[in-house]
Every structure is written in structure tokens, then in C-alpha cells.
Amino acid sequence: MEEKQNFEENMARLGKVVSELEKGDIPLEKAVELYGEGVRLSAICKKQLSKAKIKVTEADGENPLKK
């Protein structure tokens, strides 16, 4: 669950966390733990998307056909 994981792996884990929370049949402590993990994963994914957007934007600016 670190930023070292790629975006797809982080999103897959986030999906599993959400699924577990949606079941609703887990103890409160586990739900709180999963919620915290989900918040962290969401922040990591957002950061990874921002980095990708910057790279695309920079590459787009270097495109000689784009004016």
C-alpha cells in the first residue's frame, strides 16, 4: 500500500477495501482500519494521477504539431 505500487495495483486494493466496507459485516475496529487504508490509498492514487497529468501536459507542450 505504498506509492511504490503502481496506480493499477493501488486502485485494485482500494476497490477491495471499498467492497469490504460495503459488506457491512465487519467489526467496527476493522472498518476503521480499512477506512484509514482507503483514505491513504485514495491520496496516493490522486498524487499518481497528478504526476501523470503533469507528464502528459509537459509532453503535449513539446509536441511540434500542437500549436
PDB file of N, CA and C in Angstrom:
ATOM      1  N   MET A   1       0.819  -1.187   0.000  1.00  0.00           N
ATOM      2  CA  MET A   1       0.000   0.000   0.000  1.00  0.00           C
ATOM      3  C   MET A   1       0.864   1.253   0.000  1.00  0.00           C
ATOM      4  N   GLU A   2       1.907   1.213  -0.725  1.00  0.00           N
ATOM      5  CA  GLU A   2       2.791   2.370  -0.787  1.00  0.00           C
ATOM      6  C   GLU A   2       2.737   2.970  -2.174  1.00  0.00           C
ATOM      7  N   GLU A   3       3.283   4.162  -2.259  1.00  0.00           N
ATOM      8  CA  GLU A   3       3.330   4.824  -3.552  1.00  0.00           C
ATOM      9  C   GLU A   3       4.210   4.053  -4.528  1.00  0.00           C
ATOM     10  N   LYS A   4       5.045   3.163  -4.022  1.00  0.00           N
ATOM     11  CA  LYS A   4       5.908   2.353  -4.884  1.00  0.00           C
ATOM     12  C   LYS A   4       5.068   1.404  -5.737  1.00  0.00           C
ATOM     13  N   GLN A   5       3.874   1.071  -5.260  1.00  0.00           N
ATOM     14  CA  GLN A   5       2.963   0.255  -6.052  1.00  0.00           C
ATOM     15  C   GLN A   5       2.512   1.103  -7.238  1.00  0.00           C
ATOM     16  N   ASN A   6       2.186   0.436  -8.338  1.00  0.00           N
ATOM     17  CA  ASN A   6       1.716   1.232  -9.467  1.00  0.00           C
ATOM     18  C   ASN A   6       0.247   1.597  -9.270  1.00  0.00           C
ATOM     19  N   PHE A   7      -0.207   2.506 -10.093  1.00  0.00           N
ATOM     20  CA  PHE A   7      -1.561   3.036  -9.975  1.00  0.00           C
ATOM     21  C   PHE A   7      -2.610   1.920 -10.013  1.00  0.00           C
ATOM     22  N   GLU A   8      -2.454   1.010 -10.928  1.00  0.00           N
ATOM     23  CA  GLU A   8      -3.429  -0.062 -11.085  1.00  0.00           C
ATOM     24  C   GLU A   8      -3.500  -0.941  -9.836  1.00  0.00           C
ATOM     25  N   GLU A   9      -2.346  -1.235  -9.251  1.00  0.00           N
ATOM     26  CA  GLU A   9      -2.328  -2.040  -8.022  1.00  0.00           C
ATOM     27  C   GLU A   9      -2.994  -1.297  -6.869  1.00  0.00           C
ATOM     28  N   ASN A  10      -2.714  -0.018  -6.763  1.00  0.00           N
ATOM     29  CA  ASN A  10      -3.336   0.785  -5.713  1.00  0.00           C
ATOM     30  C   ASN A  10      -4.841   0.879  -5.902  1.00  0.00           C
ATOM     31  N   MET A  11      -5.294   1.051  -7.125  1.00  0.00           N
ATOM     32  CA  MET A  11      -6.729   1.126  -7.391  1.00  0.00           C
ATOM     33  C   MET A  11      -7.412  -0.215  -7.110  1.00  0.00           C
ATOM     34  N   ALA A  12      -6.735  -1.309  -7.450  1.00  0.00           N
ATOM     35  CA  ALA A  12      -7.305  -2.632  -7.176  1.00  0.00           C
ATOM     36  C   ALA A  12      -7.468  -2.840  -5.674  1.00  0.00           C
ATOM     37  N   ARG A  13      -6.456  -2.472  -4.919  1.00  0.00           N
ATOM     38  CA  ARG A  13      -6.541  -2.606  -3.462  1.00  0.00           C
ATOM     39  C   ARG A  13      -7.633  -1.692  -2.905  1.00  0.00           C
ATOM     40  N   LEU A  14      -7.718  -0.478  -3.420  1.00  0.00           N
ATOM     41  CA  LEU A  14      -8.754   0.452  -2.974  1.00  0.00           C
ATOM     42  C   LEU A  14     -10.143  -0.135  -3.253  1.00  0.00           C
ATOM     43  N   GLY A  15     -10.303  -0.758  -4.392  1.00  0.00           N
ATOM     44  CA  GLY A  15     -11.573  -1.409  -4.726  1.00  0.00           C
ATOM     45  C   GLY A  15     -11.922  -2.511  -3.736  1.00  0.00           C
ATOM     46  N   LYS A  16     -10.920  -3.282  -3.333  1.00  0.00           N
ATOM     47  CA  LYS A  16     -11.151  -4.353  -2.349  1.00  0.00           C
ATOM     48  C   LYS A  16     -11.540  -3.769  -0.993  1.00  0.00           C
ATOM     49  N   VAL A  17     -10.878  -2.688  -0.616  1.00  0.00           N
ATOM     50  CA  VAL A  17     -11.186  -2.024   0.650  1.00  0.00           C
ATOM     51  C   VAL A  17     -12.632  -1.542   0.635  1.00  0.00           C
ATOM     52  N   VAL A  18     -13.016  -0.898  -0.454  1.00  0.00           N
ATOM     53  CA  VAL A  18     -14.386  -0.391  -0.571  1.00  0.00           C
ATOM     54  C   VAL A  18     -15.387  -1.542  -0.501  1.00  0.00           C
ATOM     55  N   SER A  19     -15.098  -2.626  -1.200  1.00  0.00           N
ATOM     56  CA  SER A  19     -16.000  -3.787  -1.178  1.00  0.00           C
ATOM     57  C   SER A  19     -16.167  -4.329   0.233  1.00  0.00           C
ATOM     58  N   GLU A  20     -15.067  -4.428   0.963  1.00  0.00           N
ATOM     59  CA  GLU A  20     -15.130  -4.917   2.345  1.00  0.00           C
ATOM     60  C   GLU A  20     -15.985  -3.995   3.207  1.00  0.00           C
ATOM     61  N   LEU A  21     -15.797  -2.711   3.050  1.00  0.00           N
ATOM     62  CA  LEU A  21     -16.568  -1.748   3.841  1.00  0.00           C
ATOM     63  C   LEU A  21     -18.052  -1.789   3.469  1.00  0.00           C
ATOM     64  N   GLU A  22     -18.351  -1.995   2.197  1.00  0.00           N
ATOM     65  CA  GLU A  22     -19.740  -2.026   1.753  1.00  0.00           C
ATOM     66  C   GLU A  22     -20.486  -3.250   2.271  1.00  0.00           C
ATOM     67  N   LYS A  23     -19.779  -4.328   2.546  1.00  0.00           N
ATOM     68  CA  LYS A  23     -20.418  -5.533   3.079  1.00  0.00           C
ATOM     69  C   LYS A  23     -21.116  -5.224   4.402  1.00  0.00           C
ATOM     70  N   GLY A  24     -20.452  -4.423   5.219  1.00  0.00           N
ATOM     71  CA  GLY A  24     -21.056  -4.010   6.478  1.00  0.00           C
ATOM     72  C   GLY A  24     -21.053  -5.056   7.570  1.00  0.00           C
ATOM     73  N   ASP A  25     -20.483  -6.213   7.323  1.00  0.00           N
ATOM     74  CA  ASP A  25     -20.493  -7.264   8.334  1.00  0.00           C
ATOM     75  C   ASP A  25     -19.131  -7.445   9.006  1.00  0.00           C
ATOM     76  N   ILE A  26     -18.396  -6.350   9.131  1.00  0.00           N
ATOM     77  CA  ILE A  26     -17.085  -6.417   9.770  1.00  0.00           C
ATOM     78  C   ILE A  26     -17.123  -5.635  11.081  1.00  0.00           C
ATOM     79  N   PRO A  27     -16.276  -6.019  12.017  1.00  0.00           N
ATOM     80  CA  PRO A  27     -16.235  -5.298  13.298  1.00  0.00           C
ATOM     81  C   PRO A  27     -15.824  -3.835  13.097  1.00  0.00           C
ATOM     82  N   LEU A  28     -16.267  -2.995  14.001  1.00  0.00           N
ATOM     83  CA  LEU A  28     -16.007  -1.559  13.909  1.00  0.00           C
ATOM     84  C   LEU A  28     -14.521  -1.255  13.803  1.00  0.00           C
ATOM     85  N   GLU A  29     -13.694  -1.892  14.607  1.00  0.00           N
ATOM     86  CA  GLU A  29     -12.249  -1.624  14.578  1.00  0.00           C
ATOM     87  C   GLU A  29     -11.662  -1.931  13.205  1.00  0.00           C
ATOM     88  N   LYS A  30     -12.098  -3.039  12.617  1.00  0.00           N
ATOM     89  CA  LYS A  30     -11.617  -3.412  11.285  1.00  0.00           C
ATOM     90  C   LYS A  30     -12.108  -2.401  10.249  1.00  0.00           C
ATOM     91  N   ALA A  31     -13.348  -1.943  10.389  1.00  0.00           N
ATOM     92  CA  ALA A  31     -13.907  -0.961   9.462  1.00  0.00           C
ATOM     93  C   ALA A  31     -13.115   0.345   9.527  1.00  0.00           C
ATOM     94  N   VAL A  32     -12.765   0.768  10.739  1.00  0.00           N
ATOM     95  CA  VAL A  32     -11.992   1.999  10.900  1.00  0.00           C
ATOM     96  C   VAL A  32     -10.614   1.833  10.276  1.00  0.00           C
ATOM     97  N   GLU A  33     -10.011   0.670  10.474  1.00  0.00           N
ATOM     98  CA  GLU A  33      -8.691   0.393   9.891  1.00  0.00           C
ATOM     99  C   GLU A  33      -8.762   0.421   8.362  1.00  0.00           C
ATOM    100  N   LEU A  34      -9.777  -0.229   7.811  1.00  0.00           N
ATOM    101  CA  LEU A  34      -9.943  -0.248   6.356  1.00  0.00           C
ATOM    102  C   LEU A  34     -10.228   1.145   5.809  1.00  0.00           C
ATOM    103  N   TYR A  35     -11.028   1.902   6.532  1.00  0.00           N
ATOM    104  CA  TYR A  35     -11.327   3.267   6.104  1.00  0.00           C
ATOM    105  C   TYR A  35     -10.041   4.088   6.014  1.00  0.00           C
ATOM    106  N   GLY A  36      -9.206   3.978   7.028  1.00  0.00           N
ATOM    107  CA  GLY A  36      -7.926   4.698   7.021  1.00  0.00           C
ATOM    108  C   GLY A  36      -7.047   4.278   5.857  1.00  0.00           C
ATOM    109  N   GLU A  37      -7.012   2.980   5.596  1.00  0.00           N
ATOM    110  CA  GLU A  37      -6.236   2.480   4.457  1.00  0.00           C
ATOM    111  C   GLU A  37      -6.798   3.037   3.151  1.00  0.00           C
ATOM    112  N   GLY A  38      -8.116   3.079   3.051  1.00  0.00           N
ATOM    113  CA  GLY A  38      -8.757   3.610   1.855  1.00  0.00           C
ATOM    114  C   GLY A  38      -8.435   5.075   1.632  1.00  0.00           C
ATOM    115  N   VAL A  39      -8.449   5.857   2.701  1.00  0.00           N
ATOM    116  CA  VAL A  39      -8.119   7.278   2.597  1.00  0.00           C
ATOM    117  C   VAL A  39      -6.678   7.446   2.121  1.00  0.00           C
ATOM    118  N   ARG A  40      -5.773   6.658   2.690  1.00  0.00           N
ATOM    119  CA  ARG A  40      -4.359   6.742   2.273  1.00  0.00           C
ATOM    120  C   ARG A  40      -4.199   6.339   0.811  1.00  0.00           C
ATOM    121  N   LEU A  41      -4.854   5.238   0.418  1.00  0.00           N
ATOM    122  CA  LEU A  41      -4.760   4.793  -0.970  1.00  0.00           C
ATOM    123  C   LEU A  41      -5.331   5.826  -1.931  1.00  0.00           C
ATOM    124  N   SER A  42      -6.428   6.425  -1.550  1.00  0.00           N
ATOM    125  CA  SER A  42      -7.048   7.453  -2.377  1.00  0.00           C
ATOM    126  C   SER A  42      -6.093   8.627  -2.580  1.00  0.00           C
ATOM    127  N   ALA A  43      -5.427   9.043  -1.523  1.00  0.00           N
ATOM    128  CA  ALA A  43      -4.468  10.146  -1.622  1.00  0.00           C
ATOM    129  C   ALA A  43      -3.293   9.776  -2.517  1.00  0.00           C
ATOM    130  N   ILE A  44      -2.821   8.547  -2.381  1.00  0.00           N
ATOM    131  CA  ILE A  44      -1.700   8.085  -3.206  1.00  0.00           C
ATOM    132  C   ILE A  44      -2.116   8.063  -4.675  1.00  0.00           C
ATOM    133  N   CYS A  45      -3.303   7.521  -4.959  1.00  0.00           N
ATOM    134  CA  CYS A  45      -3.776   7.465  -6.345  1.00  0.00           C
ATOM    135  C   CYS A  45      -3.945   8.862  -6.922  1.00  0.00           C
ATOM    136  N   LYS A  46      -4.468   9.777  -6.129  1.00  0.00           N
ATOM    137  CA  LYS A  46      -4.639  11.156  -6.584  1.00  0.00           C
ATOM    138  C   LYS A  46      -3.281  11.767  -6.931  1.00  0.00           C
ATOM    139  N   LYS A  47      -2.286  11.505  -6.100  1.00  0.00           N
ATOM    140  CA  LYS A  47      -0.937  12.019  -6.349  1.00  0.00           C
ATOM    141  C   LYS A  47      -0.361  11.411  -7.631  1.00  0.00           C
ATOM    142  N   GLN A  48      -0.577  10.098  -7.809  1.00  0.00           N
ATOM    143  CA  GLN A  48      -0.072   9.439  -9.005  1.00  0.00           C
ATOM    144  C   GLN A  48      -0.746   9.995 -10.260  1.00  0.00           C
ATOM    145  N   LEU A  49      -2.036  10.261 -10.185  1.00  0.00           N
ATOM    146  CA  LEU A  49      -2.745  10.850 -11.324  1.00  0.00           C
ATOM    147  C   LEU A  49      -2.230  12.254 -11.631  1.00  0.00           C
ATOM    148  N   SER A  50      -1.969  13.019 -10.596  1.00  0.00           N
ATOM    149  CA  SER A  50      -1.445  14.377 -10.795  1.00  0.00           C
ATOM    150  C   SER A  50      -0.094  14.338 -11.485  1.00  0.00           C
ATOM    151  N   LYS A  51       0.762  13.417 -11.060  1.00  0.00           N
ATOM    152  CA  LYS A  51       2.081  13.278 -11.696  1.00  0.00           C
ATOM    153  C   LYS A  51       1.935  12.896 -13.166  1.00  0.00           C
ATOM    154  N   ALA A  52       1.017  11.981 -13.445  1.00  0.00           N
ATOM    155  CA  ALA A  52       0.796  11.556 -14.829  1.00  0.00           C
ATOM    156  C   ALA A  52       0.263  12.712 -15.662  1.00  0.00           C
ATOM    157  N   LYS A  53      -0.644  13.498 -15.097  1.00  0.00           N
ATOM    158  CA  LYS A  53      -1.193  14.647 -15.812  1.00  0.00           C
ATOM    159  C   LYS A  53      -0.108  15.655 -16.142  1.00  0.00           C
ATOM    160  N   ILE A  54       0.788  15.886 -15.198  1.00  0.00           N
ATOM    161  CA  ILE A  54       1.895  16.816 -15.432  1.00  0.00           C
ATOM    162  C   ILE A  54       2.775  16.315 -16.573  1.00  0.00           C
ATOM    163  N   LYS A  55       3.082  15.020 -16.558  1.00  0.00           N
ATOM    164  CA  LYS A  55       3.922  14.453 -17.613  1.00  0.00           C
ATOM    165  C   LYS A  55       3.255  14.584 -18.976  1.00  0.00           C
ATOM    166  N   VAL A  56       1.956  14.306 -19.030  1.00  0.00           N
ATOM    167  CA  VAL A  56       1.230  14.405 -20.301  1.00  0.00           C
ATOM    168  C   VAL A  56       1.189  15.848 -20.769  1.00  0.00           C
ATOM    169  N   THR A  57       0.915  16.759 -19.848  1.00  0.00           N
ATOM    170  CA  THR A  57       0.860  18.177 -20.188  1.00  0.00           C
ATOM    171  C   THR A  57       2.202  18.665 -20.695  1.00  0.00           C
ATOM    172  N   GLU A  58       3.283  18.253 -20.027  1.00  0.00           N
ATOM    173  CA  GLU A  58       4.622  18.656 -20.462  1.00  0.00           C
ATOM    174  C   GLU A  58       4.943  18.074 -21.827  1.00  0.00           C
ATOM    175  N   ALA A  59       4.611  16.813 -22.024  1.00  0.00           N
ATOM    176  CA  ALA A  59       4.878  16.165 -23.315  1.00  0.00           C
ATOM    177  C   ALA A  59       4.056  16.832 -24.403  1.00  0.00           C
ATOM    178  N   ASP A  60       2.841  17.202 -24.093  1.00  0.00           N
ATOM    179  CA  ASP A  60       1.977  17.861 -25.066  1.00  0.00           C
ATOM    180  C   ASP A  60       2.559  19.202 -25.473  1.00  0.00           C
ATOM    181  N   GLY A  61       3.181  19.891 -24.547  1.00  0.00           N
ATOM    182  CA  GLY A  61       3.797  21.179 -24.847  1.00  0.00           C
ATOM    183  C   GLY A  61       5.013  21.052 -25.737  1.00  0.00           C
ATOM    184  N   GLU A  62       5.626  19.871 -25.728  1.00  0.00           N
ATOM    185  CA  GLU A  62       6.818  19.633 -26.554  1.00  0.00           C
ATOM    186  C   GLU A  62       6.463  19.133 -27.944  1.00  0.00           C
ATOM    187  N   ASN A  63       5.196  18.853 -28.188  1.00  0.00           N
ATOM    188  CA  ASN A  63       4.761  18.323 -29.467  1.00  0.00           C
ATOM    189  C   ASN A  63       4.801  19.433 -30.522  1.00  0.00           C
ATOM    190  N   PRO A  64       5.650  19.308 -31.523  1.00  0.00           N
ATOM    191  CA  PRO A  64       5.775  20.377 -32.531  1.00  0.00           C
ATOM    192  C   PRO A  64       4.519  20.523 -33.395  1.00  0.00           C
ATOM    193  N   LEU A  65       3.681  19.514 -33.462  1.00  0.00           N
ATOM    194  CA  LEU A  65       2.457  19.581 -34.273  1.00  0.00           C
ATOM    195  C   LEU A  65       1.339  20.294 -33.535  1.00  0.00           C
ATOM    196  N   LYS A  66       1.476  20.413 -32.233  1.00  0.00           N
ATOM    197  CA  LYS A  66       0.464  21.054 -31.397  1.00  0.00           C
ATOM    198  C   LYS A  66       0.771  22.546 -31.313  1.00  0.00           C
ATOM    199  N   LYS A  67      -0.160  23.365 -31.726  1.00  0.00           N
ATOM    200  CA  LYS A  67       0.094  24.812 -31.684  1.00  0.00           C
ATOM    201  C   LYS A  67      -1.041  25.522 -31.014  1.00  0.00           C
TER     202      LYS A  67
END
